[in-house]
């Protein structure tokens, strides 16, 4: 077994989002009021901000994220870019600049690790779509930006050349392998950042039209499946300045449990694990440090 450990200064692991009702119980204490963002940041050094995909946040909210993490040293957000650019295939250079500027409090506070342009499976490798990627590379420069391409037609050397030339990092993904889906990869198109997103392998519901978000992302990775990504991650870490690994199988806190397991596989050490998560996912006992006091995180005001 490979016993090499990851360089913690280059590795950023965390879940996609933190505000889910179904996390109450398996992640958040069921009683008492709690500020969920610093709670999660206590166990991870990265969270992917997903709400920005649906709506652009206000300046006060962005500043509050910065302020609430004032003691979380080394923590980074990755930001999922507004769907206008990726799903509507619209937008302009000025709109891209305005979107980036919204996050200025986090950028100046060194809290942004990368922006993520996540395209749907329907976004295929065509002439027009390649031109759109080139435009986005110009619009989002020089901010570190990754691109997620879910359709397998992009899995060709010309894609890596295009992204590298546009200054965009490729996002390696794990998703159900159905039809022409992008398979697991370990591609690097930017020396500065690497990006991985784990969506789960729920083949039954992934393309089912009447499946809700929770049904699609309801998947718990077995340790042997995470081992595959541990090996890929170690190889990627040797080629980039920073590697961001995001678990998006969020239903009932599975993303939290799997992110902690992946941290353990990469860092080879015992970790602080929320008591709620330990109870929901007993396998984490194998590497969890002794129970910690969490009362200070409760907000009774």
Foldseek 3Di string as FASTA:
>chain_A
DDPDFFDVLFEFEDAEDFDDPLQDQLPNDVDFAFDRLVSRLVFTQEYEDDVQQDPQDALVVLLVSCVVCVPSPNHAYEYEHHCCCAPVVDDDLVRLVVSVVSNVNCVVVVRHDEYEHEHDQPQADDPVSLVSLLRVLVSNPPTAYEYEHFFQNCVDPVNLVSCLVSNYFYEFEPEADDDRTHHGDLDGSHQAEYHYEYQAHLVVQCPPPPDDPLSNLQHADDLVRLVVVLVSVVVNSVRHRHYYYYYHSCRSHSRVVVSSSNNCSNRVAAGDDAPSNCVVPVVNVVRHDPHDDDVVRGDPD
